[in-house]
Protein backbone atom coordinates (compact mmCIF):
# COMPACT_ATOMS: atom_id res chain seq x y z
CA GLU A 1 -11.92 8.14 17.66
CA ASP A 2 -8.70 7.99 20.01
CA GLN A 3 -6.75 6.86 16.88
CA ALA A 4 -8.09 9.92 14.82
CA TYR A 5 -7.20 12.11 17.66
CA ILE A 6 -3.61 10.94 17.51
CA ARG A 7 -3.52 11.48 13.67
CA HIS A 8 -4.62 15.19 14.27
CA GLU A 9 -1.95 15.66 16.84
CA LEU A 10 0.66 14.23 14.41
CA LYS A 11 0.15 17.24 12.21
CA ARG A 12 -0.27 19.81 15.19
CA ARG A 13 2.95 18.72 16.97
CA ASN A 14 5.32 18.27 13.60
CA LEU A 15 5.40 14.35 13.97
CA VAL A 16 5.15 11.90 11.36
CA ALA A 17 4.53 8.91 13.72
CA PHE A 18 3.68 7.82 17.23
CA VAL A 19 4.40 4.37 18.63
CA ALA A 20 2.62 3.97 22.16
CA ASN A 21 4.47 2.37 25.01
CA GLY A 22 3.35 -1.14 25.74
CA SER A 23 2.49 -1.75 21.86
CA VAL A 24 3.18 -5.43 20.60
CA LEU A 25 4.78 -4.99 17.09
CA PRO A 26 6.06 -8.36 16.31
CA ARG A 27 3.85 -10.99 14.70
CA GLU A 28 3.44 -14.52 15.06
CA SER A 29 4.88 -15.33 11.88
CA GLY A 30 5.52 -14.01 8.49
CA ILE A 31 1.86 -15.00 7.35
CA SER A 32 0.03 -14.50 10.54
CA PRO A 33 -1.21 -11.17 11.39
CA ARG A 34 -1.74 -11.89 15.15
CA PRO A 35 0.36 -10.45 18.02
CA LEU A 36 3.47 -12.51 18.93
CA LYS A 37 2.86 -14.04 22.67
CA ASP A 38 5.59 -13.13 25.11
CA ALA A 39 6.99 -10.30 22.77
CA VAL A 40 9.12 -7.52 24.09
CA PRO A 41 6.55 -4.49 24.34
CA PHE A 42 7.66 -1.46 22.78
CA SER A 43 9.40 1.08 25.16
CA SER A 44 10.38 4.67 24.03
CA PRO A 45 13.62 6.07 24.38
CA ALA A 46 13.19 8.94 27.32
CA SER A 47 14.44 11.86 24.87
CA LEU A 48 11.55 10.88 22.43
CA GLU A 49 8.52 10.39 24.72
CA VAL A 50 5.51 12.37 24.02
CA THR A 51 2.14 12.24 26.02
CA MET A 52 -1.18 12.06 24.39
CA SER A 53 -4.33 12.89 26.37
CA LEU A 54 -7.02 10.81 24.35
CA PRO A 55 -10.74 11.43 24.42
CA HIS A 56 -11.69 8.00 25.91
CA LYS A 57 -8.36 6.47 26.70
CA GLY A 58 -6.84 9.26 28.64
CA GLU A 59 -3.11 9.66 29.06
CA LEU A 60 -0.96 7.59 26.77
CA ILE A 61 2.98 7.95 26.39
CA GLY A 62 5.11 6.93 23.65
CA MET A 63 7.74 7.47 21.16
CA GLY A 64 6.91 10.61 18.74
CA ILE A 65 9.06 10.54 15.58
CA PRO A 66 9.61 14.14 14.30
CA LYS A 67 9.77 15.42 10.69
CA GLY A 68 12.97 14.99 8.97
CA ILE A 69 15.23 12.08 7.96
CA THR A 70 15.10 9.14 10.59
CA LEU A 71 17.57 6.27 10.38
CA ILE A 72 16.71 2.87 12.47
CA VAL A 73 19.74 0.75 12.87
CA GLY A 74 20.75 -2.18 14.68
CA GLY A 75 21.97 -6.02 14.30
CA GLY A 76 20.06 -8.58 12.37
CA TYR A 77 16.81 -9.75 14.06
CA HIS A 78 16.75 -7.28 16.58
CA GLY A 79 13.41 -5.53 15.15
CA LYS A 80 14.28 -2.87 12.65
CA SER A 81 12.05 -4.36 10.05
CA THR A 82 9.24 -4.90 12.37
CA LEU A 83 9.18 -1.45 13.45
CA LEU A 84 9.19 -0.15 10.11
CA ASN A 85 6.42 -2.48 9.15
CA ALA A 86 4.38 -1.60 11.98
CA LEU A 87 4.78 2.09 10.88
CA GLU A 88 3.87 1.01 7.36
CA LEU A 89 0.57 -0.24 8.57
CA GLY A 90 0.01 2.70 10.75
CA VAL A 91 -1.67 4.46 8.22
CA TYR A 92 -4.55 2.17 8.78
CA ASN A 93 -6.58 2.05 12.15
CA HIS A 94 -6.15 -1.27 14.04
CA ILE A 95 -8.70 -3.36 15.89
CA ALA A 96 -8.23 -3.93 19.51
CA ASP A 97 -6.02 -6.59 20.71
CA ASP A 98 -4.02 -6.05 17.37
CA GLY A 99 -1.10 -4.84 19.70
CA ARG A 100 -0.57 -2.02 17.36
CA GLU A 101 -3.77 0.12 18.09
CA TYR A 102 -1.61 3.30 19.01
CA VAL A 103 0.98 2.88 16.39
CA ILE A 104 -0.16 5.95 14.01
CA THR A 105 1.83 7.06 11.12
CA ASP A 106 0.93 10.06 8.61
CA ASP A 107 -1.50 8.67 6.52
CA THR A 108 0.18 9.97 3.45
CA ALA A 109 3.30 7.63 4.21
CA VAL A 110 4.26 5.31 1.40
CA LYS A 111 6.62 2.16 1.57
CA LEU A 112 8.77 2.23 -1.15
CA ARG A 113 10.74 -0.65 -2.58
CA ALA A 114 12.52 -1.99 -5.92
CA GLU A 115 10.22 -3.63 -8.04
CA ASP A 116 12.44 -5.38 -10.66
CA GLY A 117 10.33 -6.00 -13.95
CA ARG A 118 7.52 -3.46 -13.28
CA SER A 119 6.13 -1.27 -16.13
CA ILE A 120 6.76 2.25 -16.03
CA LYS A 121 5.09 4.60 -18.30
CA HIS A 122 6.08 8.15 -19.02
CA THR A 123 7.34 8.89 -15.56
CA ASP A 124 9.93 11.70 -14.95
CA ILE A 125 12.74 9.89 -13.10
CA SER A 126 15.21 12.59 -14.18
CA MET A 127 15.84 13.75 -10.48
CA PHE A 128 17.61 10.06 -9.97
CA ILE A 129 18.49 8.79 -13.44
CA ASN A 130 20.30 10.61 -16.31
CA ASN A 131 22.39 10.09 -19.40
CA LEU A 132 21.52 6.70 -19.92
CA PRO A 133 24.36 5.05 -22.56
CA ASN A 134 21.67 4.06 -24.86
CA GLY A 135 20.28 7.74 -24.89
CA LYS A 136 16.84 6.77 -23.48
CA ASP A 137 14.59 9.54 -22.38
CA THR A 138 14.56 9.63 -18.56
CA VAL A 139 12.12 12.86 -18.25
CA SER A 140 9.57 10.70 -19.83
CA PHE A 141 10.71 7.06 -19.01
CA TYR A 142 9.13 4.22 -20.27
CA THR A 143 9.84 0.28 -19.99
CA GLU A 144 8.13 -2.79 -19.53
CA ASP A 145 10.88 -4.41 -17.47
CA ALA A 146 12.34 -1.90 -15.24
CA SER A 147 15.51 -2.76 -13.36
CA GLY A 148 15.77 -2.35 -9.57
CA SER A 149 17.04 1.08 -9.55
CA THR A 150 14.80 2.58 -12.39
CA SER A 151 11.69 1.05 -10.51
CA GLN A 152 12.62 2.29 -7.28
CA ALA A 153 12.93 5.69 -8.78
CA ALA A 154 9.72 5.77 -10.34
CA ASN A 155 8.04 4.44 -7.12
CA VAL A 156 9.51 7.69 -5.51
CA ILE A 157 8.23 10.09 -8.21
CA GLU A 158 4.87 8.44 -8.06
CA ALA A 159 4.64 8.72 -4.35
CA MET A 160 5.53 12.40 -4.66
CA GLU A 161 2.62 12.80 -7.09
CA THR A 162 0.05 11.07 -4.52
CA GLY A 163 1.00 14.15 -2.44
CA SER A 164 2.93 11.68 0.20
CA SER A 165 4.87 13.63 3.10
CA LEU A 166 6.71 10.50 4.31
CA PHE A 167 8.62 7.68 2.71
CA LEU A 168 9.41 4.62 4.44
CA ILE A 169 12.45 2.69 3.03
CA ASP A 170 14.03 -0.49 4.09
CA GLU A 171 17.44 -1.40 2.57
CA ASP A 172 16.58 -5.14 2.33
CA THR A 173 14.29 -4.47 -0.34
CA SER A 174 15.97 -1.69 -2.04
CA ALA A 175 18.28 -1.20 -5.09
CA THR A 176 21.57 -0.62 -3.47
CA ASN A 177 22.99 1.46 -6.18
CA PHE A 178 19.79 3.59 -6.02
CA MET A 179 20.26 3.97 -2.07
CA ILE A 180 24.04 4.59 -1.83
CA ARG A 181 27.52 4.95 -3.86
CA ASP A 182 30.32 4.74 -1.66
CA GLU A 183 33.52 6.73 -1.90
CA LEU A 184 35.64 4.07 -3.09
CA MET A 185 33.42 3.16 -6.00
CA GLN A 186 33.19 6.93 -6.77
CA ARG A 187 36.93 6.99 -6.99
CA VAL A 188 37.05 3.77 -9.22
CA VAL A 189 34.04 4.61 -11.52
CA ASN A 190 33.91 8.15 -12.35
CA ARG A 191 30.90 10.18 -11.39
CA ASN A 192 30.32 11.30 -14.79
CA LYS A 193 30.18 7.47 -16.04
CA GLU A 194 27.31 6.86 -13.46
CA PRO A 195 23.78 7.62 -14.68
CA ILE A 196 22.29 7.15 -11.05
CA THR A 197 22.09 9.85 -8.49
CA PRO A 198 21.64 8.09 -5.18
CA PHE A 199 18.58 8.76 -2.95
CA ILE A 200 21.17 9.51 -0.17
CA GLU A 201 22.06 12.71 -2.46
CA ARG A 202 18.33 13.72 -2.67
CA ALA A 203 16.52 12.99 0.71
CA ARG A 204 17.65 16.14 2.44
CA MET A 205 16.42 18.18 -0.56
CA LEU A 206 13.17 16.21 -0.68
CA PHE A 207 12.49 17.30 2.96
CA GLU A 208 13.93 20.85 2.80
CA GLN A 209 12.13 21.65 -0.80
CA TYR A 210 9.05 19.41 -0.79
CA GLY A 211 8.42 18.68 2.99
CA ILE A 212 8.77 14.85 2.57
CA SER A 213 10.33 13.22 5.50
CA SER A 214 11.94 9.62 5.36
CA ILE A 215 12.24 6.71 8.05
CA ILE A 216 14.94 4.45 6.63
CA VAL A 217 16.22 0.93 8.07
CA ALA A 218 19.89 0.23 7.49
CA GLY A 219 21.77 -2.53 8.54
CA SER A 220 25.03 -2.61 6.61
CA SER A 221 25.88 0.92 5.45
CA GLY A 222 26.59 3.91 7.74
CA SER A 223 26.45 6.32 4.97
CA TYR A 224 23.09 7.81 6.09
CA PHE A 225 24.44 8.70 9.52
CA HIS A 226 25.82 11.86 8.03
CA ILE A 227 22.46 13.15 6.75
CA ALA A 228 19.95 11.67 9.45
CA ASP A 229 18.48 14.07 11.90
CA LEU A 230 17.26 11.15 14.24
CA ILE A 231 19.08 7.68 14.55
CA LEU A 232 17.52 4.99 16.52
CA GLN A 233 19.16 1.67 17.36
CA MET A 234 16.96 -1.46 17.86
CA ASP A 235 18.49 -3.81 20.44
CA GLN A 236 16.52 -6.58 21.43
CA TYR A 237 13.30 -4.86 20.15
CA VAL A 238 13.99 -1.90 22.18
CA PRO A 239 14.67 1.51 20.50
CA PHE A 240 17.48 3.63 21.79
CA ASN A 241 18.43 7.26 20.51
CA ILE A 242 22.01 7.09 19.54
CA THR A 243 21.90 10.23 17.26
CA ASP A 244 24.74 12.02 19.10
CA PHE A 245 26.98 9.10 19.36
CA ALA A 246 26.33 8.09 15.92
CA LYS A 247 27.03 11.61 14.54
CA GLN A 248 30.26 11.57 16.40
CA GLU A 249 31.52 8.55 15.04
CA ALA A 250 30.44 9.52 11.51
CA LYS A 251 32.55 12.66 12.04
CA ALA A 252 35.49 11.00 13.06
CA PHE A 253 35.28 8.27 10.26
């Protein structure tokens, strides 16, 4: 009932996720769902703290992630994917002592990734892919062996068709050419020779026109700093709100 209450509050407060202070996000191992002993408990940045008054547990403080485009950055092994994984599973209610009982995510959220080799049948991926050199139709795209970029494009469209209002994306499991296309590559390979419109050019439109928020983990490319509404840096499993600093650096760059 407490978890259901938080889910209701997310909608009322225009949030897509809530992570309670004191939550234990890391797992024992990649194959164990048990919480990691002696893990660093979650602690929200002060600027993102929200208070929930639960019907049973009472007052609970944690991090509220607002609607929009959120970027999670930080060094390797500092907890970026661990946070995203907790948010991914936050569509479900957890049992006591899981450590993530009060990690609650918009229950329409979908984790998106590239799936090389998957089958795609009559899916309109033209929002992302057009003018293929073999003349193949992308408005009703069909293949039995999708590439990384076409599979991820199809996954986005299928998620939209389910009515999802939150996309969760980790660059580690994404097709690079679907996510970004840097300035130098655009100079060398002319834009009209590239059939892929990367996700970075569609993310803002997805939010403003369709109401779909995105939470994206990025560790190697700073391109998303320019379009993000909120930028979190994970430092030894502790999140920091670095939005203003990152925006200043991006502008100077």
